[in-house]
Protein backbone atom coordinates (compact mmCIF):
# COMPACT_ATOMS: atom_id res chain seq x y z
CA MET A 1 -27.10 -139.56 -28.66
CA SER A 2 -28.73 -140.37 -31.98
CA THR A 3 -32.03 -138.90 -33.20
CA PHE A 4 -32.83 -142.22 -34.90
CA LYS A 5 -36.31 -143.63 -34.22
CA GLN A 6 -37.52 -147.09 -35.15
CA ASP A 7 -40.37 -147.42 -37.61
CA PRO A 8 -43.74 -148.31 -36.10
CA HIS A 9 -44.03 -152.06 -35.65
CA LYS A 10 -45.86 -154.74 -33.72
CA LEU A 11 -44.90 -154.90 -30.05
CA LEU A 12 -42.64 -157.93 -29.55
CA VAL A 13 -43.27 -159.44 -26.13
CA ILE A 14 -42.10 -163.01 -26.52
CA PRO A 15 -39.44 -164.34 -24.09
CA GLY A 16 -36.73 -163.29 -26.56
CA PRO A 17 -35.85 -161.72 -28.87
CA ILE A 18 -37.20 -158.63 -27.15
CA GLU A 19 -37.71 -155.00 -28.08
CA VAL A 20 -34.43 -153.06 -28.24
CA THR A 21 -33.85 -149.36 -27.72
CA ASP A 22 -33.36 -146.92 -30.58
CA ASP A 23 -29.73 -146.39 -29.54
CA VAL A 24 -28.99 -150.11 -29.67
CA LEU A 25 -30.61 -150.56 -33.06
CA PHE A 26 -28.79 -147.50 -34.40
CA ALA A 27 -25.48 -148.88 -33.11
CA ASN A 28 -26.20 -152.11 -34.98
CA ALA A 29 -26.30 -150.03 -38.18
CA HIS A 30 -22.73 -148.83 -37.69
CA PRO A 31 -20.81 -148.57 -40.96
CA SER A 32 -18.81 -151.67 -41.80
CA MET A 33 -15.65 -151.80 -39.72
CA SER A 34 -12.61 -154.05 -39.66
CA HIS A 35 -12.53 -156.37 -36.67
CA VAL A 36 -8.89 -155.39 -36.10
CA SER A 37 -9.46 -151.65 -36.47
CA PRO A 38 -8.04 -149.44 -33.69
CA ASP A 39 -11.54 -147.94 -33.46
CA PHE A 40 -13.19 -151.31 -32.86
CA ILE A 41 -10.73 -152.83 -30.40
CA PRO A 42 -11.79 -150.71 -27.38
CA VAL A 43 -15.48 -151.28 -28.20
CA PHE A 44 -14.95 -155.04 -27.92
CA GLY A 45 -12.73 -154.64 -24.85
CA ASP A 46 -15.35 -152.55 -23.08
CA CYS A 47 -17.97 -155.22 -23.81
CA VAL A 48 -15.81 -157.78 -22.03
CA ARG A 49 -15.46 -155.52 -19.00
CA MET A 50 -19.10 -154.43 -18.82
CA THR A 51 -20.32 -158.03 -19.14
CA ARG A 52 -18.59 -158.72 -15.82
CA GLU A 53 -20.47 -155.83 -14.23
CA VAL A 54 -23.86 -157.24 -15.20
CA LEU A 55 -23.02 -160.48 -13.37
CA PHE A 56 -21.27 -158.87 -10.40
CA THR A 57 -17.95 -160.58 -10.93
CA ALA A 58 -14.49 -159.08 -10.55
CA ASP A 59 -12.34 -161.52 -12.46
CA ALA A 60 -14.40 -164.12 -14.32
CA GLN A 61 -13.61 -164.50 -18.03
CA PRO A 62 -16.26 -163.49 -20.58
CA PHE A 63 -16.44 -165.17 -23.99
CA LEU A 64 -18.33 -163.16 -26.62
CA ILE A 65 -18.70 -165.36 -29.68
CA SER A 66 -20.89 -165.24 -32.75
CA GLY A 67 -23.65 -167.77 -32.19
CA SER A 68 -26.89 -168.38 -30.34
CA GLY A 69 -27.24 -169.09 -26.65
CA THR A 70 -27.06 -172.78 -27.55
CA LEU A 71 -23.36 -172.33 -28.25
CA GLY A 72 -22.90 -171.88 -24.51
CA TRP A 73 -23.90 -175.51 -23.99
CA ASP A 74 -21.29 -176.59 -26.50
CA GLN A 75 -18.64 -174.49 -24.78
CA VAL A 76 -19.35 -176.07 -21.41
CA SER A 77 -19.56 -179.59 -22.85
CA ALA A 78 -16.41 -179.30 -24.96
CA ASN A 79 -14.12 -177.32 -22.65
CA LEU A 80 -15.03 -178.21 -19.07
CA VAL A 81 -16.28 -181.79 -19.26
CA GLU A 82 -14.06 -184.59 -20.54
CA PRO A 83 -15.57 -187.71 -22.12
CA GLY A 84 -16.71 -190.16 -19.46
CA GLU A 85 -17.04 -187.60 -16.69
CA ASN A 86 -20.25 -187.30 -14.68
CA VAL A 87 -22.58 -184.31 -14.95
CA LEU A 88 -25.81 -183.73 -13.02
CA VAL A 89 -28.52 -181.79 -14.85
CA LEU A 90 -31.30 -180.19 -12.81
CA ASN A 91 -34.10 -180.36 -15.34
CA SER A 92 -37.04 -177.96 -15.06
CA GLY A 93 -38.22 -178.05 -18.67
CA TYR A 94 -37.42 -178.16 -22.36
CA PHE A 95 -34.03 -176.51 -22.05
CA GLY A 96 -32.88 -178.92 -19.37
CA ASP A 97 -33.63 -181.71 -21.86
CA SER A 98 -31.56 -179.95 -24.50
CA PHE A 99 -28.57 -179.19 -22.26
CA ALA A 100 -28.49 -182.86 -21.20
CA ASP A 101 -28.60 -183.93 -24.85
CA CYS A 102 -25.71 -181.59 -25.69
CA LEU A 103 -23.58 -182.91 -22.83
CA ARG A 104 -24.18 -186.51 -23.91
CA THR A 105 -23.23 -185.60 -27.48
CA TYR A 106 -19.77 -184.66 -26.22
CA GLY A 107 -19.38 -187.85 -24.18
CA ALA A 108 -20.47 -186.84 -20.70
CA VAL A 109 -22.24 -189.34 -18.47
CA VAL A 110 -25.38 -187.44 -17.56
CA ASP A 111 -27.74 -187.96 -14.65
CA GLU A 112 -30.89 -185.87 -14.42
CA ILE A 113 -33.15 -184.80 -11.60
CA ARG A 114 -36.38 -183.99 -13.38
CA ALA A 115 -38.80 -181.61 -11.70
CA PRO A 116 -42.54 -182.06 -12.27
CA PHE A 117 -43.93 -179.85 -15.02
CA GLY A 118 -44.16 -176.30 -13.70
CA ALA A 119 -41.81 -176.88 -10.76
CA ALA A 120 -38.13 -176.47 -9.96
CA VAL A 121 -35.87 -179.23 -8.64
CA GLU A 122 -35.99 -179.48 -4.85
CA LEU A 123 -32.74 -178.61 -3.10
CA THR A 124 -33.11 -181.71 -0.90
CA SER A 125 -33.08 -183.90 -4.04
CA LEU A 126 -29.88 -182.18 -5.17
CA ALA A 127 -28.24 -182.77 -1.80
CA VAL A 128 -29.11 -186.48 -1.89
CA ALA A 129 -27.75 -186.87 -5.44
CA LEU A 130 -24.45 -185.23 -4.53
CA LYS A 131 -23.93 -187.83 -1.79
CA THR A 132 -24.24 -190.73 -4.23
CA LYS A 133 -21.69 -189.77 -6.88
CA LYS A 134 -18.92 -187.30 -7.67
CA TYR A 135 -19.94 -184.90 -10.43
CA LYS A 136 -17.69 -182.73 -12.56
CA ALA A 137 -20.49 -180.22 -12.92
CA VAL A 138 -24.05 -179.47 -11.88
CA THR A 139 -26.06 -177.56 -14.46
CA PHE A 140 -29.42 -175.84 -14.17
CA THR A 141 -31.60 -173.54 -16.21
CA HIS A 142 -32.10 -170.39 -14.14
CA VAL A 143 -35.31 -169.53 -16.02
CA ASP A 144 -36.61 -172.25 -18.30
CA THR A 145 -38.20 -170.35 -21.18
CA SER A 146 -40.57 -173.23 -21.85
CA THR A 147 -42.24 -173.03 -18.43
CA GLY A 148 -41.36 -169.67 -16.89
CA VAL A 149 -39.99 -171.51 -13.84
CA LEU A 150 -37.26 -169.70 -11.91
CA SER A 151 -34.76 -171.94 -10.12
CA ASP A 152 -33.09 -170.87 -6.87
CA ALA A 153 -29.60 -170.10 -8.14
CA LYS A 154 -28.21 -169.00 -4.80
CA GLY A 155 -29.69 -172.00 -3.01
CA ILE A 156 -28.38 -174.45 -5.59
CA ALA A 157 -24.90 -172.97 -5.33
CA GLU A 158 -24.96 -173.20 -1.53
CA VAL A 159 -25.93 -176.88 -1.60
CA VAL A 160 -23.26 -177.78 -4.18
CA LYS A 161 -20.51 -175.85 -2.40
CA TYR A 162 -21.36 -177.56 0.90
CA ALA A 163 -21.75 -181.11 -0.42
CA SER A 164 -19.21 -181.15 -3.27
CA PRO A 165 -17.06 -177.99 -3.36
CA GLU A 166 -14.94 -179.20 -6.28
CA THR A 167 -18.00 -179.55 -8.55
CA LEU A 168 -18.53 -176.79 -11.12
CA ILE A 169 -21.81 -174.87 -10.87
CA VAL A 170 -23.14 -174.03 -14.34
CA LEU A 171 -26.06 -171.61 -14.72
CA ASP A 172 -27.93 -171.45 -18.02
CA GLY A 173 -29.03 -167.82 -17.90
CA VAL A 174 -30.26 -167.32 -21.45
CA CYS A 175 -33.65 -166.15 -20.16
CA SER A 176 -32.48 -164.63 -16.87
CA VAL A 177 -29.35 -162.50 -17.28
CA ALA A 178 -30.17 -158.80 -16.76
CA SER A 179 -33.76 -159.52 -15.74
CA GLU A 180 -32.95 -161.65 -12.68
CA GLU A 181 -30.21 -160.85 -10.19
CA ILE A 182 -27.14 -163.10 -10.52
CA GLN A 183 -24.32 -162.49 -8.04
CA MET A 184 -21.71 -164.65 -9.72
CA ASP A 185 -18.85 -164.11 -7.25
CA ALA A 186 -20.89 -163.85 -4.05
CA TRP A 187 -22.90 -166.99 -4.81
CA GLY A 188 -19.96 -168.98 -6.20
CA ILE A 189 -21.35 -169.61 -9.69
CA ASP A 190 -18.64 -171.01 -12.01
CA VAL A 191 -20.28 -170.52 -15.42
CA VAL A 192 -23.08 -168.27 -16.60
CA LEU A 193 -24.09 -168.73 -20.21
CA THR A 194 -26.55 -166.52 -22.02
CA ALA A 195 -27.31 -164.75 -25.29
CA SER A 196 -27.72 -161.21 -26.51
CA GLN A 197 -31.41 -161.14 -27.43
CA LYS A 198 -33.21 -161.35 -24.10
CA GLY A 199 -32.52 -159.35 -20.94
CA LEU A 200 -29.31 -158.02 -22.46
CA GLY A 201 -31.44 -156.08 -24.94
CA THR A 202 -29.48 -156.64 -28.14
CA PRO A 203 -30.47 -158.27 -31.45
CA PRO A 204 -29.86 -162.05 -31.66
CA GLY A 205 -26.58 -163.59 -32.72
CA LEU A 206 -24.12 -163.27 -29.84
CA SER A 207 -23.31 -166.12 -27.47
CA VAL A 208 -22.26 -164.72 -24.10
CA LEU A 209 -20.55 -166.96 -21.56
CA VAL A 210 -18.68 -166.00 -18.40
CA ALA A 211 -16.39 -168.51 -16.67
CA SER A 212 -14.90 -168.24 -13.19
CA GLN A 213 -11.17 -168.53 -12.66
CA LYS A 214 -11.85 -171.94 -11.11
CA ALA A 215 -13.48 -173.02 -14.37
CA ILE A 216 -10.63 -171.59 -16.44
CA LYS A 217 -8.10 -173.50 -14.32
CA ILE A 218 -10.03 -176.74 -14.78
CA PHE A 219 -10.10 -176.10 -18.53
CA GLU A 220 -6.35 -175.42 -18.64
CA GLU A 221 -5.58 -178.61 -16.70
CA ARG A 222 -7.80 -180.97 -18.72
CA LYS A 223 -6.13 -184.22 -19.72
CA THR A 224 -7.81 -184.82 -23.08
CA PRO A 225 -8.13 -182.57 -26.13
CA VAL A 226 -11.03 -180.12 -26.33
CA THR A 227 -13.82 -181.86 -28.24
CA SER A 228 -14.89 -178.93 -30.41
CA TYR A 229 -13.08 -176.75 -32.93
CA TYR A 230 -15.21 -173.61 -33.15
CA ALA A 231 -16.20 -173.67 -29.45
CA SER A 232 -12.68 -174.34 -28.17
CA TRP A 233 -11.42 -171.95 -25.50
CA LYS A 234 -7.91 -172.73 -26.72
CA LYS A 235 -8.93 -170.66 -29.73
CA TRP A 236 -11.09 -168.04 -28.01
CA LEU A 237 -9.36 -167.32 -24.71
CA PRO A 238 -6.39 -165.55 -26.36
CA ILE A 239 -8.84 -163.51 -28.44
CA MET A 240 -10.83 -162.27 -25.45
CA ARG A 241 -7.68 -161.46 -23.49
CA ALA A 242 -6.16 -159.59 -26.40
CA TYR A 243 -9.15 -157.34 -27.03
CA GLU A 244 -9.49 -156.55 -23.34
CA ALA A 245 -5.79 -155.67 -23.22
CA GLY A 246 -6.22 -153.28 -26.14
CA SER A 247 -4.89 -155.28 -29.07
CA ALA A 248 -6.50 -157.36 -31.79
CA ALA A 249 -6.16 -161.09 -32.31
CA TYR A 250 -7.78 -163.42 -34.80
CA PHE A 251 -9.37 -166.84 -34.84
CA ALA A 252 -12.75 -166.18 -36.48
CA THR A 253 -14.34 -162.88 -37.42
CA PRO A 254 -16.47 -161.47 -34.60
CA PRO A 255 -19.92 -159.99 -35.40
CA VAL A 256 -18.62 -156.43 -35.50
CA ASN A 257 -21.92 -154.61 -35.84
CA LEU A 258 -23.53 -156.75 -33.17
CA ILE A 259 -20.65 -155.93 -30.83
CA TYR A 260 -21.37 -152.23 -31.37
CA ALA A 261 -25.03 -152.87 -30.51
CA PHE A 262 -24.06 -154.94 -27.47
CA ASN A 263 -21.77 -152.16 -26.31
CA ALA A 264 -24.63 -149.67 -26.54
CA SER A 265 -26.92 -151.93 -24.51
CA LEU A 266 -24.28 -152.74 -21.89
CA THR A 267 -23.61 -149.03 -21.51
CA GLN A 268 -27.31 -148.48 -20.78
CA LEU A 269 -27.29 -151.38 -18.30
CA THR A 270 -24.15 -150.44 -16.38
CA LYS A 271 -23.58 -146.70 -16.84
CA ARG A 272 -27.05 -145.19 -17.13
CA SER A 273 -30.22 -144.92 -15.09
CA PRO A 274 -31.94 -147.03 -13.92
CA SER A 275 -29.21 -148.92 -12.06
CA LEU A 276 -28.99 -152.69 -12.22
CA ALA A 277 -30.64 -152.93 -8.79
CA ASP A 278 -33.51 -150.74 -9.96
CA ARG A 279 -33.83 -152.76 -13.16
CA PHE A 280 -34.30 -155.95 -11.17
CA ARG A 281 -36.93 -154.20 -9.05
CA LEU A 282 -38.76 -152.92 -12.13
CA HIS A 283 -38.78 -156.41 -13.64
CA LYS A 284 -40.33 -157.79 -10.43
CA GLU A 285 -42.98 -155.06 -10.42
CA ALA A 286 -43.92 -155.54 -14.08
CA SER A 287 -44.00 -159.29 -13.62
CA ALA A 288 -46.25 -159.09 -10.57
CA ARG A 289 -48.60 -156.71 -12.37
CA ILE A 290 -48.99 -158.85 -15.49
CA LYS A 291 -49.47 -162.03 -13.47
CA ARG A 292 -52.05 -160.39 -11.19
CA GLU A 293 -54.02 -158.86 -14.08
CA ALA A 294 -53.95 -162.15 -16.02
CA GLU A 295 -55.17 -164.17 -13.06
CA GLU A 296 -58.04 -161.73 -12.53
CA LEU A 297 -59.06 -162.43 -16.13
CA GLY A 298 -59.13 -166.18 -15.52
CA PHE A 299 -55.70 -167.18 -16.76
CA ARG A 300 -53.61 -169.38 -14.47
CA GLN A 301 -49.86 -169.32 -13.99
CA LEU A 302 -47.96 -172.37 -15.20
CA PRO A 303 -45.37 -172.39 -12.35
CA VAL A 304 -46.96 -174.30 -9.48
CA ASP A 305 -45.30 -172.08 -6.87
CA PRO A 306 -45.49 -168.29 -7.45
CA ASP A 307 -42.20 -167.89 -5.59
CA TYR A 308 -40.53 -169.82 -8.41
CA ALA A 309 -42.01 -167.82 -11.27
CA ALA A 310 -39.67 -165.81 -13.49
CA ASN A 311 -39.69 -162.02 -13.41
CA GLY A 312 -38.80 -161.58 -17.09
CA MET A 313 -41.60 -163.70 -18.53
CA THR A 314 -45.00 -165.14 -17.68
CA ALA A 315 -46.37 -168.53 -18.74
CA LEU A 316 -50.17 -168.76 -18.56
CA TYR A 317 -52.70 -171.55 -18.99
CA PHE A 318 -55.71 -170.57 -21.09
CA PRO A 319 -59.05 -170.28 -19.28
CA GLU A 320 -61.52 -173.12 -19.62
CA GLY A 321 -62.99 -173.26 -23.12
CA ILE A 322 -60.29 -171.05 -24.64
CA VAL A 323 -57.41 -172.28 -26.81
CA ALA A 324 -54.37 -170.71 -28.44
CA SER A 325 -56.14 -170.01 -31.72
CA ASP A 326 -58.70 -167.93 -29.81
CA ILE A 327 -56.15 -165.61 -28.23
CA LEU A 328 -52.84 -165.41 -30.09
CA PRO A 329 -54.21 -164.24 -33.47
CA ARG A 330 -56.37 -161.64 -31.73
CA LEU A 331 -53.33 -160.31 -29.88
CA ALA A 332 -51.38 -160.17 -33.14
CA LYS A 333 -54.27 -158.34 -34.85
CA ARG A 334 -53.86 -155.70 -32.15
CA ASP A 335 -50.12 -155.51 -32.82
CA VAL A 336 -48.96 -157.51 -29.80
CA VAL A 337 -46.82 -160.58 -30.51
CA VAL A 338 -46.59 -163.23 -27.77
CA ALA A 339 -45.30 -166.82 -27.86
CA GLY A 340 -47.24 -170.05 -27.83
CA GLY A 341 -46.47 -172.96 -25.54
CA LEU A 342 -43.16 -174.75 -26.07
CA HIS A 343 -43.03 -177.83 -23.86
CA LYS A 344 -43.87 -180.79 -26.09
CA ASP A 345 -46.36 -182.42 -23.71
CA HIS A 346 -48.33 -179.29 -22.86
CA LYS A 347 -47.74 -176.71 -25.59
CA GLU A 348 -51.41 -176.43 -26.64
CA LYS A 349 -52.52 -175.54 -23.13
CA TYR A 350 -50.60 -172.34 -22.47
CA PHE A 351 -48.80 -169.33 -23.91
CA ARG A 352 -45.93 -167.08 -22.87
CA ILE A 353 -45.43 -163.33 -22.49
CA GLY A 354 -41.98 -161.79 -22.28
CA HIS A 355 -41.46 -158.65 -20.20
CA MET A 356 -37.80 -157.77 -20.24
CA GLY A 357 -35.52 -154.87 -20.97
CA VAL A 358 -36.79 -151.61 -22.40
CA SER A 359 -40.42 -152.71 -22.29
CA VAL A 360 -40.09 -152.83 -18.51
CA VAL A 361 -37.64 -150.07 -17.63
CA ASP A 362 -39.07 -147.34 -19.89
CA SER A 363 -42.62 -146.82 -18.63
CA GLN A 364 -43.20 -143.96 -21.10
CA ARG A 365 -43.38 -146.52 -23.91
CA GLY A 366 -46.50 -147.99 -22.33
CA ASP A 367 -45.61 -151.54 -23.37
CA ILE A 368 -46.88 -153.24 -20.21
CA ASP A 369 -50.08 -151.18 -20.27
CA LYS A 370 -50.66 -152.20 -23.88
CA VAL A 371 -50.09 -155.89 -23.22
CA ILE A 372 -52.62 -155.91 -20.38
CA ALA A 373 -55.23 -153.88 -22.29
CA VAL A 374 -54.94 -156.00 -25.43
CA LEU A 375 -55.07 -159.23 -23.44
CA LYS A 376 -58.35 -158.07 -21.87
CA GLU A 377 -59.81 -157.10 -25.25
CA SER A 378 -58.73 -160.31 -26.94
CA LEU A 379 -60.10 -162.55 -24.22
CA ALA A 380 -63.43 -160.70 -24.16
CA GLU A 381 -63.75 -161.00 -27.93
CA ALA A 382 -62.83 -164.68 -27.84
CA LYS A 383 -65.37 -165.42 -25.13
CA ALA A 384 -68.08 -163.55 -26.99
CA SER A 385 -67.37 -165.44 -30.19
CA LYS A 386 -67.66 -168.81 -28.42
CA ASN A 387 -70.39 -167.90 -25.95
CA VAL A 388 -68.05 -168.93 -23.12
């Protein structure tokens, strides 16, 4: 255990990147190391194994590749969908738009079920769509960072498996992995794609994707060439298997220091207290507290149904007479950094607070207390300045 402590800094509570622990940040400062060093190989191999634990899967294949979460879309589009094949996108916000755009870029024929702003796609709409056409894959954003809407991953998987069992179920979990429960094997999810900088509690820069054996088989049996070079599993699958087996292989240099940091965070997630089950509970408790306190102040949740609101972030409409420029700079002046609205049609009307990882599970830090206190102060000051 290191004695390293981070320098004082503004509290980062956007929906990713998030605050990271001292141990993770210290691991990221590991001395430069060869990516084929005998010392590094088991660090990478353990990351592959521990990633499975976070998603409750016994045999799915992780891909840990230098890149943002967006690279997960490219991996799905290039490796699992062949040009001309049908994909159904369940669109609950900005990131549904983007995933659909990525799929079309690689030649997929994309249909979308678009939920109203602030809502998730109804399962009945999904069931109807699956009766009309055969789809290679159904994709959905588990938590859309633009709206804070949480989709029913288990319910979606049940509907797809019943109506079209051969269809791949693809979960975009960039803003949900490690803050929302995802039972990959039990629910029958075929792909979970995410990134290092949110619930996984690591600095940005690592694309994390986990593919079921069903998905790997479909990839291996594809009839046309993979439509990407860097994102090709033909390149990356041997690399992941080699490191997990205890030997090095090379296609492109992995982000060595980031892998050390990821290893430190995964160790905290899977080998330390609190357990994963307790972490999910703590995220729900922190989420409920922030949402309750905000509503008492006059803010209103963006998700139209509280049961479909994310536990790792909160999206809030400003009270009447208050705008972003009244609140966000005042929060920043008090050393709390939140995120403005993101959805193009509504971004001036709301803002977003992230509450994931160490800010939630380590109550001694007081991060949640500070967010609530500063939000109260900032709103009171804003109202006084405008005589609202």
